[in-house]
Amino acid sequence: MTITKNRKYKYIFIIIIALSLFIGGTIFMFFYNKKKDCTEIIDSYISENNYEDLIKEKDIVFNSKQGNYNAEVVFKDESENFYEFYVEPSTNTVYAAAFDSENVEITDKSKAKYIDN
């Protein structure tokens, strides 16, 4: 039995599509799981410190420089500042940094009371 040239290309095309879908799905699941893990760690940090009721706005964003997900948080009582909660990947420790409206980091705890020491 000989396979015609048309049928041969059809099989090759189907194999390429199947491999592309498999590779794409694997990459998607990697980033989805990474986001889910970081979100869970940050959410547990927020609940351990009783910040849930104090948060006005929270967004999970991907930081391409670190290759990790961070939470950008605005608190109700400090709406002029925003905080960035990020996870140290090797230890799963959450750190908080504060920034003012001009995107300058705040290191003075009297101006941003939710930052780490």
PDB file of N, CA and C in Angstrom:
ATOM      1  N   MET A   1       0.844  -1.184   0.000  1.00  0.00           N
ATOM      2  CA  MET A   1       0.000   0.000   0.000  1.00  0.00           C
ATOM      3  C   MET A   1       0.882   1.238   0.000  1.00  0.00           C
ATOM      4  N   THR A   2       0.610   2.084  -0.890  1.00  0.00           N
ATOM      5  CA  THR A   2       1.351   3.331  -0.940  1.00  0.00           C
ATOM      6  C   THR A   2       0.474   4.457  -0.434  1.00  0.00           C
ATOM      7  N   ILE A   3       1.102   5.318   0.317  1.00  0.00           N
ATOM      8  CA  ILE A   3       0.388   6.491   0.821  1.00  0.00           C
ATOM      9  C   ILE A   3       0.630   7.620  -0.164  1.00  0.00           C
ATOM     10  N   THR A   4      -0.427   8.225  -0.578  1.00  0.00           N
ATOM     11  CA  THR A   4      -0.283   9.317  -1.536  1.00  0.00           C
ATOM     12  C   THR A   4       0.395  10.503  -0.880  1.00  0.00           C
ATOM     13  N   LYS A   5       0.946  11.330  -1.721  1.00  0.00           N
ATOM     14  CA  LYS A   5       1.677  12.503  -1.245  1.00  0.00           C
ATOM     15  C   LYS A   5       0.756  13.423  -0.427  1.00  0.00           C
ATOM     16  N   ASN A   6      -0.470  13.594  -0.880  1.00  0.00           N
ATOM     17  CA  ASN A   6      -1.450  14.441  -0.187  1.00  0.00           C
ATOM     18  C   ASN A   6      -1.740  13.917   1.215  1.00  0.00           C
ATOM     19  N   ARG A   7      -1.916  12.620   1.305  1.00  0.00           N
ATOM     20  CA  ARG A   7      -2.245  12.007   2.588  1.00  0.00           C
ATOM     21  C   ARG A   7      -1.055  12.103   3.551  1.00  0.00           C
ATOM     22  N   LYS A   8       0.148  11.980   3.024  1.00  0.00           N
ATOM     23  CA  LYS A   8       1.358  12.081   3.828  1.00  0.00           C
ATOM     24  C   LYS A   8       1.466  13.469   4.448  1.00  0.00           C
ATOM     25  N   TYR A   9       1.227  14.504   3.668  1.00  0.00           N
ATOM     26  CA  TYR A   9       1.258  15.875   4.190  1.00  0.00           C
ATOM     27  C   TYR A   9       0.159  16.111   5.214  1.00  0.00           C
ATOM     28  N   LYS A  10      -0.961  15.482   5.005  1.00  0.00           N
ATOM     29  CA  LYS A  10      -2.079  15.612   5.936  1.00  0.00           C
ATOM     30  C   LYS A  10      -1.689  15.045   7.313  1.00  0.00           C
ATOM     31  N   TYR A  11      -1.045  13.872   7.331  1.00  0.00           N
ATOM     32  CA  TYR A  11      -0.607  13.267   8.586  1.00  0.00           C
ATOM     33  C   TYR A  11       0.462  14.111   9.273  1.00  0.00           C
ATOM     34  N   ILE A  12       1.388  14.617   8.505  1.00  0.00           N
ATOM     35  CA  ILE A  12       2.438  15.474   9.062  1.00  0.00           C
ATOM     36  C   ILE A  12       1.822  16.732   9.663  1.00  0.00           C
ATOM     37  N   PHE A  13       0.857  17.318   8.967  1.00  0.00           N
ATOM     38  CA  PHE A  13       0.170  18.514   9.470  1.00  0.00           C
ATOM     39  C   PHE A  13      -0.557  18.216  10.783  1.00  0.00           C
ATOM     40  N   ILE A  14      -1.230  17.088  10.872  1.00  0.00           N
ATOM     41  CA  ILE A  14      -1.959  16.709  12.091  1.00  0.00           C
ATOM     42  C   ILE A  14      -0.979  16.504  13.256  1.00  0.00           C
ATOM     43  N   ILE A  15       0.152  15.875  12.982  1.00  0.00           N
ATOM     44  CA  ILE A  15       1.150  15.651  14.031  1.00  0.00           C
ATOM     45  C   ILE A  15       1.719  16.984  14.520  1.00  0.00           C
ATOM     46  N   ILE A  16       2.004  17.900  13.609  1.00  0.00           N
ATOM     47  CA  ILE A  16       2.533  19.217  13.990  1.00  0.00           C
ATOM     48  C   ILE A  16       1.520  19.977  14.836  1.00  0.00           C
ATOM     49  N   ILE A  17       0.263  19.953  14.453  1.00  0.00           N
ATOM     50  CA  ILE A  17      -0.791  20.636  15.231  1.00  0.00           C
ATOM     51  C   ILE A  17      -0.906  20.008  16.628  1.00  0.00           C
ATOM     52  N   ALA A  18      -0.879  18.688  16.714  1.00  0.00           N
ATOM     53  CA  ALA A  18      -0.996  18.017  18.008  1.00  0.00           C
ATOM     54  C   ALA A  18       0.189  18.365  18.911  1.00  0.00           C
ATOM     55  N   LEU A  19       1.386  18.356  18.367  1.00  0.00           N
ATOM     56  CA  LEU A  19       2.567  18.725  19.163  1.00  0.00           C
ATOM     57  C   LEU A  19       2.504  20.182  19.613  1.00  0.00           C
ATOM     58  N   SER A  20       2.067  21.073  18.732  1.00  0.00           N
ATOM     59  CA  SER A  20       1.940  22.491  19.083  1.00  0.00           C
ATOM     60  C   SER A  20       0.948  22.687  20.222  1.00  0.00           C
ATOM     61  N   LEU A  21      -0.176  21.988  20.159  1.00  0.00           N
ATOM     62  CA  LEU A  21      -1.174  22.095  21.223  1.00  0.00           C
ATOM     63  C   LEU A  21      -0.628  21.547  22.545  1.00  0.00           C
ATOM     64  N   PHE A  22       0.091  20.454  22.485  1.00  0.00           N
ATOM     65  CA  PHE A  22       0.665  19.869  23.694  1.00  0.00           C
ATOM     66  C   PHE A  22       1.692  20.800  24.325  1.00  0.00           C
ATOM     67  N   ILE A  23       2.590  21.330  23.526  1.00  0.00           N
ATOM     68  CA  ILE A  23       3.626  22.239  24.036  1.00  0.00           C
ATOM     69  C   ILE A  23       2.994  23.525  24.568  1.00  0.00           C
ATOM     70  N   GLY A  24       2.045  24.082  23.829  1.00  0.00           N
ATOM     71  CA  GLY A  24       1.356  25.298  24.278  1.00  0.00           C
ATOM     72  C   GLY A  24       0.602  25.076  25.578  1.00  0.00           C
ATOM     73  N   GLY A  25      -0.046  23.940  25.707  1.00  0.00           N
ATOM     74  CA  GLY A  25      -0.767  23.617  26.936  1.00  0.00           C
ATOM     75  C   GLY A  25       0.157  23.455  28.123  1.00  0.00           C
ATOM     76  N   THR A  26       1.311  22.848  27.891  1.00  0.00           N
ATOM     77  CA  THR A  26       2.291  22.670  28.958  1.00  0.00           C
ATOM     78  C   THR A  26       2.823  24.016  29.452  1.00  0.00           C
ATOM     79  N   ILE A  27       3.132  24.906  28.519  1.00  0.00           N
ATOM     80  CA  ILE A  27       3.623  26.242  28.892  1.00  0.00           C
ATOM     81  C   ILE A  27       2.538  27.011  29.639  1.00  0.00           C
ATOM     82  N   PHE A  28       1.306  26.956  29.152  1.00  0.00           N
ATOM     83  CA  PHE A  28       0.201  27.642  29.817  1.00  0.00           C
ATOM     84  C   PHE A  28       0.026  27.132  31.247  1.00  0.00           C
ATOM     85  N   MET A  29       0.053  25.818  31.445  1.00  0.00           N
ATOM     86  CA  MET A  29      -0.139  25.254  32.784  1.00  0.00           C
ATOM     87  C   MET A  29       1.009  25.635  33.717  1.00  0.00           C
ATOM     88  N   PHE A  30       2.225  25.745  33.190  1.00  0.00           N
ATOM     89  CA  PHE A  30       3.358  26.157  34.015  1.00  0.00           C
ATOM     90  C   PHE A  30       3.119  27.545  34.597  1.00  0.00           C
ATOM     91  N   PHE A  31       2.749  28.501  33.735  1.00  0.00           N
ATOM     92  CA  PHE A  31       2.528  29.867  34.212  1.00  0.00           C
ATOM     93  C   PHE A  31       1.270  29.971  35.063  1.00  0.00           C
ATOM     94  N   TYR A  32       0.233  29.211  34.734  1.00  0.00           N
ATOM     95  CA  TYR A  32      -0.993  29.229  35.525  1.00  0.00           C
ATOM     96  C   TYR A  32      -0.714  28.719  36.939  1.00  0.00           C
ATOM     97  N   ASN A  33       0.020  27.621  37.055  1.00  0.00           N
ATOM     98  CA  ASN A  33       0.338  27.074  38.379  1.00  0.00           C
ATOM     99  C   ASN A  33       1.242  28.008  39.169  1.00  0.00           C
ATOM    100  N   LYS A  34       2.174  28.653  38.484  1.00  0.00           N
ATOM    101  CA  LYS A  34       3.063  29.603  39.157  1.00  0.00           C
ATOM    102  C   LYS A  34       2.258  30.781  39.722  1.00  0.00           C
ATOM    103  N   LYS A  35       1.313  31.280  38.940  1.00  0.00           N
ATOM    104  CA  LYS A  35       0.466  32.389  39.392  1.00  0.00           C
ATOM    105  C   LYS A  35      -0.397  31.951  40.570  1.00  0.00           C
ATOM    106  N   LYS A  36      -0.964  30.748  40.475  1.00  0.00           N
ATOM    107  CA  LYS A  36      -1.827  30.241  41.541  1.00  0.00           C
ATOM    108  C   LYS A  36      -1.041  30.078  42.840  1.00  0.00           C
ATOM    109  N   ASP A  37       0.174  29.537  42.750  1.00  0.00           N
ATOM    110  CA  ASP A  37       0.999  29.350  43.943  1.00  0.00           C
ATOM    111  C   ASP A  37       1.365  30.682  44.588  1.00  0.00           C
ATOM    112  N   CYS A  38       1.799  31.645  43.783  1.00  0.00           N
ATOM    113  CA  CYS A  38       2.164  32.966  44.322  1.00  0.00           C
ATOM    114  C   CYS A  38       0.949  33.656  44.943  1.00  0.00           C
ATOM    115  N   THR A  39      -0.194  33.546  44.292  1.00  0.00           N
ATOM    116  CA  THR A  39      -1.417  34.166  44.818  1.00  0.00           C
ATOM    117  C   THR A  39      -1.792  33.556  46.164  1.00  0.00           C
ATOM    118  N   GLU A  40      -1.685  32.241  46.290  1.00  0.00           N
ATOM    119  CA  GLU A  40      -2.010  31.588  47.561  1.00  0.00           C
ATOM    120  C   GLU A  40      -1.059  32.020  48.676  1.00  0.00           C
ATOM    121  N   ILE A  41       0.218  32.131  48.365  1.00  0.00           N
ATOM    122  CA  ILE A  41       1.206  32.536  49.376  1.00  0.00           C
ATOM    123  C   ILE A  41       0.952  33.976  49.815  1.00  0.00           C
ATOM    124  N   ILE A  42       0.700  34.859  48.856  1.00  0.00           N
ATOM    125  CA  ILE A  42       0.440  36.272  49.174  1.00  0.00           C
ATOM    126  C   ILE A  42      -0.867  36.406  49.946  1.00  0.00           C
ATOM    127  N   ASP A  43      -1.907  35.677  49.533  1.00  0.00           N
ATOM    128  CA  ASP A  43      -3.187  35.743  50.249  1.00  0.00           C
ATOM    129  C   ASP A  43      -3.069  35.247  51.680  1.00  0.00           C
ATOM    130  N   SER A  44      -2.266  34.210  51.899  1.00  0.00           N
ATOM    131  CA  SER A  44      -2.092  33.740  53.276  1.00  0.00           C
ATOM    132  C   SER A  44      -1.324  34.763  54.105  1.00  0.00           C
ATOM    133  N   TYR A  45      -0.353  35.451  53.503  1.00  0.00           N
ATOM    134  CA  TYR A  45       0.368  36.520  54.200  1.00  0.00           C
ATOM    135  C   TYR A  45      -0.589  37.656  54.576  1.00  0.00           C
ATOM    136  N   ILE A  46      -1.455  38.026  53.646  1.00  0.00           N
ATOM    137  CA  ILE A  46      -2.423  39.099  53.901  1.00  0.00           C
ATOM    138  C   ILE A  46      -3.379  38.707  55.023  1.00  0.00           C
ATOM    139  N   SER A  47      -3.854  37.474  55.015  1.00  0.00           N
ATOM    140  CA  SER A  47      -4.788  37.059  56.070  1.00  0.00           C
ATOM    141  C   SER A  47      -4.086  36.871  57.416  1.00  0.00           C
ATOM    142  N   GLU A  48      -2.822  36.415  57.425  1.00  0.00           N
ATOM    143  CA  GLU A  48      -2.075  36.282  58.675  1.00  0.00           C
ATOM    144  C   GLU A  48      -1.863  37.630  59.353  1.00  0.00           C
ATOM    145  N   ASN A  49      -1.715  38.679  58.554  1.00  0.00           N
ATOM    146  CA  ASN A  49      -1.500  40.017  59.098  1.00  0.00           C
ATOM    147  C   ASN A  49      -2.791  40.814  59.224  1.00  0.00           C
ATOM    148  N   ASN A  50      -3.936  40.175  58.986  1.00  0.00           N
ATOM    149  CA  ASN A  50      -5.261  40.785  59.116  1.00  0.00           C
ATOM    150  C   ASN A  50      -5.414  42.038  58.245  1.00  0.00           C
ATOM    151  N   TYR A  51      -4.976  41.946  57.000  1.00  0.00           N
ATOM    152  CA  TYR A  51      -5.074  43.069  56.068  1.00  0.00           C
ATOM    153  C   TYR A  51      -6.311  42.998  55.167  1.00  0.00           C
ATOM    154  N   GLU A  52      -7.079  41.895  55.198  1.00  0.00           N
ATOM    155  CA  GLU A  52      -8.175  41.706  54.245  1.00  0.00           C
ATOM    156  C   GLU A  52      -9.169  42.866  54.235  1.00  0.00           C
ATOM    157  N   ASP A  53      -9.594  43.305  55.412  1.00  0.00           N
ATOM    158  CA  ASP A  53     -10.610  44.357  55.499  1.00  0.00           C
ATOM    159  C   ASP A  53     -10.038  45.748  55.229  1.00  0.00           C
ATOM    160  N   LEU A  54      -8.727  45.863  55.217  1.00  0.00           N
ATOM    161  CA  LEU A  54      -8.080  47.160  55.009  1.00  0.00           C
ATOM    162  C   LEU A  54      -7.748  47.434  53.542  1.00  0.00           C
ATOM    163  N   ILE A  55      -7.890  46.421  52.703  1.00  0.00           N
ATOM    164  CA  ILE A  55      -7.495  46.545  51.294  1.00  0.00           C
ATOM    165  C   ILE A  55      -8.612  47.162  50.466  1.00  0.00           C
ATOM    166  N   LYS A  56      -8.237  48.177  49.718  1.00  0.00           N
ATOM    167  CA  LYS A  56      -9.167  48.833  48.809  1.00  0.00           C
ATOM    168  C   LYS A  56      -9.127  48.166  47.429  1.00  0.00           C
ATOM    169  N   GLU A  57      -7.919  47.814  46.979  1.00  0.00           N
ATOM    170  CA  GLU A  57      -7.746  47.255  45.644  1.00  0.00           C
ATOM    171  C   GLU A  57      -6.530  46.330  45.636  1.00  0.00           C
ATOM    172  N   LYS A  58      -6.652  45.190  44.926  1.00  0.00           N
ATOM    173  CA  LYS A  58      -5.533  44.247  44.824  1.00  0.00           C
ATOM    174  C   LYS A  58      -5.496  43.666  43.415  1.00  0.00           C
ATOM    175  N   ASP A  59      -4.322  43.709  42.786  1.00  0.00           N
ATOM    176  CA  ASP A  59      -4.132  43.140  41.459  1.00  0.00           C
ATOM    177  C   ASP A  59      -2.906  42.235  41.486  1.00  0.00           C
ATOM    178  N   ILE A  60      -3.019  41.084  40.864  1.00  0.00           N
ATOM    179  CA  ILE A  60      -1.882  40.183  40.707  1.00  0.00           C
ATOM    180  C   ILE A  60      -1.288  40.459  39.325  1.00  0.00           C
ATOM    181  N   VAL A  61       0.005  40.794  39.289  1.00  0.00           N
ATOM    182  CA  VAL A  61       0.673  41.138  38.028  1.00  0.00           C
ATOM    183  C   VAL A  61       1.955  40.326  37.882  1.00  0.00           C
ATOM    184  N   PHE A  62       2.349  40.102  36.635  1.00  0.00           N
ATOM    185  CA  PHE A  62       3.581  39.371  36.350  1.00  0.00           C
ATOM    186  C   PHE A  62       4.730  40.356  36.241  1.00  0.00           C
ATOM    187  N   ASN A  63       5.798  40.112  36.986  1.00  0.00           N
ATOM    188  CA  ASN A  63       6.996  40.932  36.939  1.00  0.00           C
ATOM    189  C   ASN A  63       8.004  40.213  36.058  1.00  0.00           C
ATOM    190  N   SER A  64       8.222  40.716  34.854  1.00  0.00           N
ATOM    191  CA  SER A  64       9.094  40.024  33.905  1.00  0.00           C
ATOM    192  C   SER A  64      10.559  40.076  34.317  1.00  0.00           C
ATOM    193  N   LYS A  65      10.954  41.072  35.106  1.00  0.00           N
ATOM    194  CA  LYS A  65      12.349  41.141  35.556  1.00  0.00           C
ATOM    195  C   LYS A  65      12.658  40.033  36.559  1.00  0.00           C
ATOM    196  N   GLN A  66      11.719  39.774  37.461  1.00  0.00           N
ATOM    197  CA  GLN A  66      11.908  38.719  38.454  1.00  0.00           C
ATOM    198  C   GLN A  66      11.420  37.371  37.945  1.00  0.00           C
ATOM    199  N   GLY A  67      10.546  37.387  36.957  1.00  0.00           N
ATOM    200  CA  GLY A  67       9.960  36.147  36.458  1.00  0.00           C
ATOM    201  C   GLY A  67       8.982  35.546  37.442  1.00  0.00           C
ATOM    202  N   ASN A  68       8.295  36.414  38.189  1.00  0.00           N
ATOM    203  CA  ASN A  68       7.394  35.963  39.237  1.00  0.00           C
ATOM    204  C   ASN A  68       6.164  36.867  39.278  1.00  0.00           C
ATOM    205  N   TYR A  69       5.157  36.428  39.996  1.00  0.00           N
ATOM    206  CA  TYR A  69       3.940  37.223  40.150  1.00  0.00           C
ATOM    207  C   TYR A  69       3.990  38.008  41.455  1.00  0.00           C
ATOM    208  N   ASN A  70       3.509  39.248  41.412  1.00  0.00           N
ATOM    209  CA  ASN A  70       3.437  40.120  42.571  1.00  0.00           C
ATOM    210  C   ASN A  70       1.999  40.588  42.749  1.00  0.00           C
ATOM    211  N   ALA A  71       1.694  41.047  43.945  1.00  0.00           N
ATOM    212  CA  ALA A  71       0.396  41.658  44.210  1.00  0.00           C
ATOM    213  C   ALA A  71       0.607  43.148  44.403  1.00  0.00           C
ATOM    214  N   GLU A  72      -0.126  43.940  43.643  1.00  0.00           N
ATOM    215  CA  GLU A  72      -0.120  45.393  43.841  1.00  0.00           C
ATOM    216  C   GLU A  72      -1.366  45.734  44.639  1.00  0.00           C
ATOM    217  N   VAL A  73      -1.157  46.327  45.815  1.00  0.00           N
ATOM    218  CA  VAL A  73      -2.245  46.542  46.767  1.00  0.00           C
ATOM    219  C   VAL A  73      -2.333  48.021  47.130  1.00  0.00           C
ATOM    220  N   VAL A  74      -3.572  48.510  47.195  1.00  0.00           N
ATOM    221  CA  VAL A  74      -3.847  49.857  47.710  1.00  0.00           C
ATOM    222  C   VAL A  74      -4.713  49.676  48.949  1.00  0.00           C
ATOM    223  N   PHE A  75      -4.264  50.250  50.055  1.00  0.00           N
ATOM    224  CA  PHE A  75      -5.021  50.166  51.300  1.00  0.00           C
ATOM    225  C   PHE A  75      -5.972  51.349  51.413  1.00  0.00           C
ATOM    226  N   LYS A  76      -7.085  51.134  52.103  1.00  0.00           N
ATOM    227  CA  LYS A  76      -8.112  52.176  52.246  1.00  0.00           C
ATOM    228  C   LYS A  76      -7.588  53.419  52.949  1.00  0.00           C
ATOM    229  N   ASP A  77      -6.759  53.216  53.974  1.00  0.00           N
ATOM    230  CA  ASP A  77      -6.284  54.352  54.761  1.00  0.00           C
ATOM    231  C   ASP A  77      -5.022  55.001  54.183  1.00  0.00           C
ATOM    232  N   GLU A  78      -4.463  54.426  53.130  1.00  0.00           N
ATOM    233  CA  GLU A  78      -3.285  55.003  52.465  1.00  0.00           C
ATOM    234  C   GLU A  78      -3.480  54.949  50.951  1.00  0.00           C
ATOM    235  N   SER A  79      -4.519  55.563  50.478  1.00  0.00           N
ATOM    236  CA  SER A  79      -4.837  55.476  49.048  1.00  0.00           C
ATOM    237  C   SER A  79      -3.845  56.225  48.165  1.00  0.00           C
ATOM    238  N   GLU A  80      -3.001  57.080  48.756  1.00  0.00           N
ATOM    239  CA  GLU A  80      -1.989  57.794  47.971  1.00  0.00           C
ATOM    240  C   GLU A  80      -0.771  56.921  47.690  1.00  0.00           C
ATOM    241  N   ASN A  81      -0.627  55.812  48.416  1.00  0.00           N
ATOM    242  CA  ASN A  81       0.490  54.887  48.225  1.00  0.00           C
ATOM    243  C   ASN A  81      -0.024  53.577  47.651  1.00  0.00           C
ATOM    244  N   PHE A  82       0.869  52.855  46.979  1.00  0.00           N
ATOM    245  CA  PHE A  82       0.538  51.478  46.639  1.00  0.00           C
ATOM    246  C   PHE A  82       1.668  50.576  47.103  1.00  0.00           C
ATOM    247  N   TYR A  83       1.292  49.366  47.442  1.00  0.00           N
ATOM    248  CA  TYR A  83       2.236  48.400  47.981  1.00  0.00           C
ATOM    249  C   TYR A  83       2.421  47.274  46.978  1.00  0.00           C
ATOM    250  N   GLU A  84       3.620  46.741  46.979  1.00  0.00           N
ATOM    251  CA  GLU A  84       3.919  45.587  46.146  1.00  0.00           C
ATOM    252  C   GLU A  84       4.331  44.454  47.071  1.00  0.00           C
ATOM    253  N   PHE A  85       3.531  43.398  47.075  1.00  0.00           N
ATOM    254  CA  PHE A  85       3.846  42.200  47.835  1.00  0.00           C
ATOM    255  C   PHE A  85       4.447  41.196  46.864  1.00  0.00           C
ATOM    256  N   TYR A  86       5.659  40.752  47.155  1.00  0.00           N
ATOM    257  CA  TYR A  86       6.305  39.800  46.255  1.00  0.00           C
ATOM    258  C   TYR A  86       6.838  38.614  47.048  1.00  0.00           C
ATOM    259  N   VAL A  87       6.928  37.492  46.361  1.00  0.00           N
ATOM    260  CA  VAL A  87       7.337  36.236  46.983  1.00  0.00           C
ATOM    261  C   VAL A  87       8.776  35.935  46.590  1.00  0.00           C
ATOM    262  N   GLU A  88       9.599  35.655  47.588  1.00  0.00           N
ATOM    263  CA  GLU A  88      10.963  35.173  47.339  1.00  0.00           C
ATOM    264  C   GLU A  88      10.847  33.699  46.955  1.00  0.00           C
ATOM    265  N   PRO A  89      11.159  33.331  45.713  1.00  0.00           N
ATOM    266  CA  PRO A  89      10.890  31.966  45.242  1.00  0.00           C
ATOM    267  C   PRO A  89      11.612  30.860  46.013  1.00  0.00           C
ATOM    268  N   SER A  90      12.812  31.108  46.476  1.00  0.00           N
ATOM    269  CA  SER A  90      13.566  30.040  47.138  1.00  0.00           C
ATOM    270  C   SER A  90      13.037  29.730  48.537  1.00  0.00           C
ATOM    271  N   THR A  91      12.473  30.729  49.209  1.00  0.00           N
ATOM    272  CA  THR A  91      12.002  30.521  50.589  1.00  0.00           C
ATOM    273  C   THR A  91      10.495  30.656  50.747  1.00  0.00           C
ATOM    274  N   ASN A  92       9.798  31.090  49.690  1.00  0.00           N
ATOM    275  CA  ASN A  92       8.348  31.364  49.743  1.00  0.00           C
ATOM    276  C   ASN A  92       7.990  32.382  50.813  1.00  0.00           C
ATOM    277  N   THR A  93       8.893  33.313  51.060  1.00  0.00           N
ATOM    278  CA  THR A  93       8.666  34.395  52.006  1.00  0.00           C
ATOM    279  C   THR A  93       8.107  35.598  51.260  1.00  0.00           C
ATOM    280  N   VAL A  94       7.126  36.265  51.864  1.00  0.00           N
ATOM    281  CA  VAL A  94       6.509  37.441  51.243  1.00  0.00           C
ATOM    282  C   VAL A  94       7.161  38.698  51.810  1.00  0.00           C
ATOM    283  N   TYR A  95       7.497  39.609  50.920  1.00  0.00           N
ATOM    284  CA  TYR A  95       8.050  40.903  51.300  1.00  0.00           C
ATOM    285  C   TYR A  95       7.138  41.995  50.763  1.00  0.00           C
ATOM    286  N   ALA A  96       7.083  43.108  51.492  1.00  0.00           N
ATOM    287  CA  ALA A  96       6.243  44.235  51.091  1.00  0.00           C
ATOM    288  C   ALA A  96       7.115  45.464  50.861  1.00  0.00           C
ATOM    289  N   ALA A  97       6.820  46.161  49.783  1.00  0.00           N
ATOM    290  CA  ALA A  97       7.480  47.424  49.483  1.00  0.00           C
ATOM    291  C   ALA A  97       6.394  48.435  49.158  1.00  0.00           C
ATOM    292  N   ALA A  98       6.611  49.690  49.543  1.00  0.00           N
ATOM    293  CA  ALA A  98       5.624  50.746  49.319  1.00  0.00           C
ATOM    294  C   ALA A  98       6.175  51.766  48.332  1.00  0.00           C
ATOM    295  N   PHE A  99       5.262  52.336  47.539  1.00  0.00           N
ATOM    296  CA  PHE A  99       5.624  53.347  46.554  1.00  0.00           C
ATOM    297  C   PHE A  99       4.604  54.478  46.622  1.00  0.00           C
ATOM    298  N   ASP A 100       5.082  55.703  46.380  1.00  0.00           N
ATOM    299  CA  ASP A 100       4.159  56.837  46.382  1.00  0.00           C
ATOM    300  C   ASP A 100       3.553  57.012  44.990  1.00  0.00           C
ATOM    301  N   SER A 101       2.792  58.105  44.820  1.00  0.00           N
ATOM    302  CA  SER A 101       2.095  58.336  43.548  1.00  0.00           C
ATOM    303  C   SER A 101       3.041  58.593  42.384  1.00  0.00           C
ATOM    304  N   GLU A 102       4.296  58.951  42.691  1.00  0.00           N
ATOM    305  CA  GLU A 102       5.289  59.190  41.638  1.00  0.00           C
ATOM    306  C   GLU A 102       6.175  57.960  41.422  1.00  0.00           C
ATOM    307  N   ASN A 103       5.778  56.828  41.999  1.00  0.00           N
ATOM    308  CA  ASN A 103       6.466  55.550  41.854  1.00  0.00           C
ATOM    309  C   ASN A 103       7.863  55.546  42.487  1.00  0.00           C
ATOM    310  N   VAL A 104       8.034  56.330  43.551  1.00  0.00           N
ATOM    311  CA  VAL A 104       9.278  56.363  44.313  1.00  0.00           C
ATOM    312  C   VAL A 104       9.084  55.492  45.547  1.00  0.00           C
ATOM    313  N   GLU A 105      10.044  54.611  45.806  1.00  0.00           N
ATOM    314  CA  GLU A 105       9.910  53.699  46.939  1.00  0.00           C
ATOM    315  C   GLU A 105       9.950  54.451  48.262  1.00  0.00           C
ATOM    316  N   ILE A 106       9.064  54.069  49.163  1.00  0.00           N
ATOM    317  CA  ILE A 106       8.982  54.650  50.500  1.00  0.00           C
ATOM    318  C   ILE A 106       9.649  53.675  51.463  1.00  0.00           C
ATOM    319  N   THR A 107      10.628  54.183  52.218  1.00  0.00           N
ATOM    320  CA  THR A 107      11.308  53.330  53.194  1.00  0.00           C
ATOM    321  C   THR A 107      11.011  53.747  54.637  1.00  0.00           C
ATOM    322  N   ASP A 108      10.371  54.897  54.805  1.00  0.00           N
ATOM    323  CA  ASP A 108      10.037  55.408  56.127  1.00  0.00           C
ATOM    324  C   ASP A 108       8.720  54.790  56.587  1.00  0.00           C
ATOM    325  N   LYS A 109       8.769  54.042  57.675  1.00  0.00           N
ATOM    326  CA  LYS A 109       7.576  53.353  58.163  1.00  0.00           C
ATOM    327  C   LYS A 109       6.485  54.311  58.648  1.00  0.00           C
ATOM    328  N   SER A 110       6.827  55.560  58.950  1.00  0.00           N
ATOM    329  CA  SER A 110       5.804  56.535  59.367  1.00  0.00           C
ATOM    330  C   SER A 110       4.965  56.990  58.164  1.00  0.00           C
ATOM    331  N   LYS A 111       5.504  56.879  56.966  1.00  0.00           N
ATOM    332  CA  LYS A 111       4.763  57.254  55.760  1.00  0.00           C
ATOM    333  C   LYS A 111       4.035  56.082  55.113  1.00  0.00           C
ATOM    334  N   ALA A 112       4.492  54.873  55.416  1.00  0.00           N
ATOM    335  CA  ALA A 112       3.886  53.651  54.863  1.00  0.00           C
ATOM    336  C   ALA A 112       3.963  52.578  55.940  1.00  0.00           C
ATOM    337  N   LYS A 113       2.875  52.404  56.657  1.00  0.00           N
ATOM    338  CA  LYS A 113       2.922  51.553  57.856  1.00  0.00           C
ATOM    339  C   LYS A 113       2.844  50.051  57.573  1.00  0.00           C
ATOM    340  N   TYR A 114       2.624  49.631  56.338  1.00  0.00           N
ATOM    341  CA  TYR A 114       2.509  48.221  56.042  1.00  0.00           C
ATOM    342  C   TYR A 114       3.777  47.615  55.444  1.00  0.00           C
ATOM    343  N   ILE A 115       4.856  48.385  55.383  1.00  0.00           N
ATOM    344  CA  ILE A 115       6.102  47.847  54.821  1.00  0.00           C
ATOM    345  C   ILE A 115       6.833  46.997  55.845  1.00  0.00           C
ATOM    346  N   ASP A 116       7.692  46.124  55.314  1.00  0.00           N
ATOM    347  CA  ASP A 116       8.530  45.316  56.199  1.00  0.00           C
ATOM    348  C   ASP A 116       9.682  46.165  56.692  1.00  0.00           C
ATOM    349  N   ASN A 117      10.194  45.802  57.837  1.00  0.00           N
ATOM    350  CA  ASN A 117      11.339  46.527  58.402  1.00  0.00           C
ATOM    351  C   ASN A 117      12.625  46.151  57.727  1.00  0.00           C
TER     352      ASN A 117
END
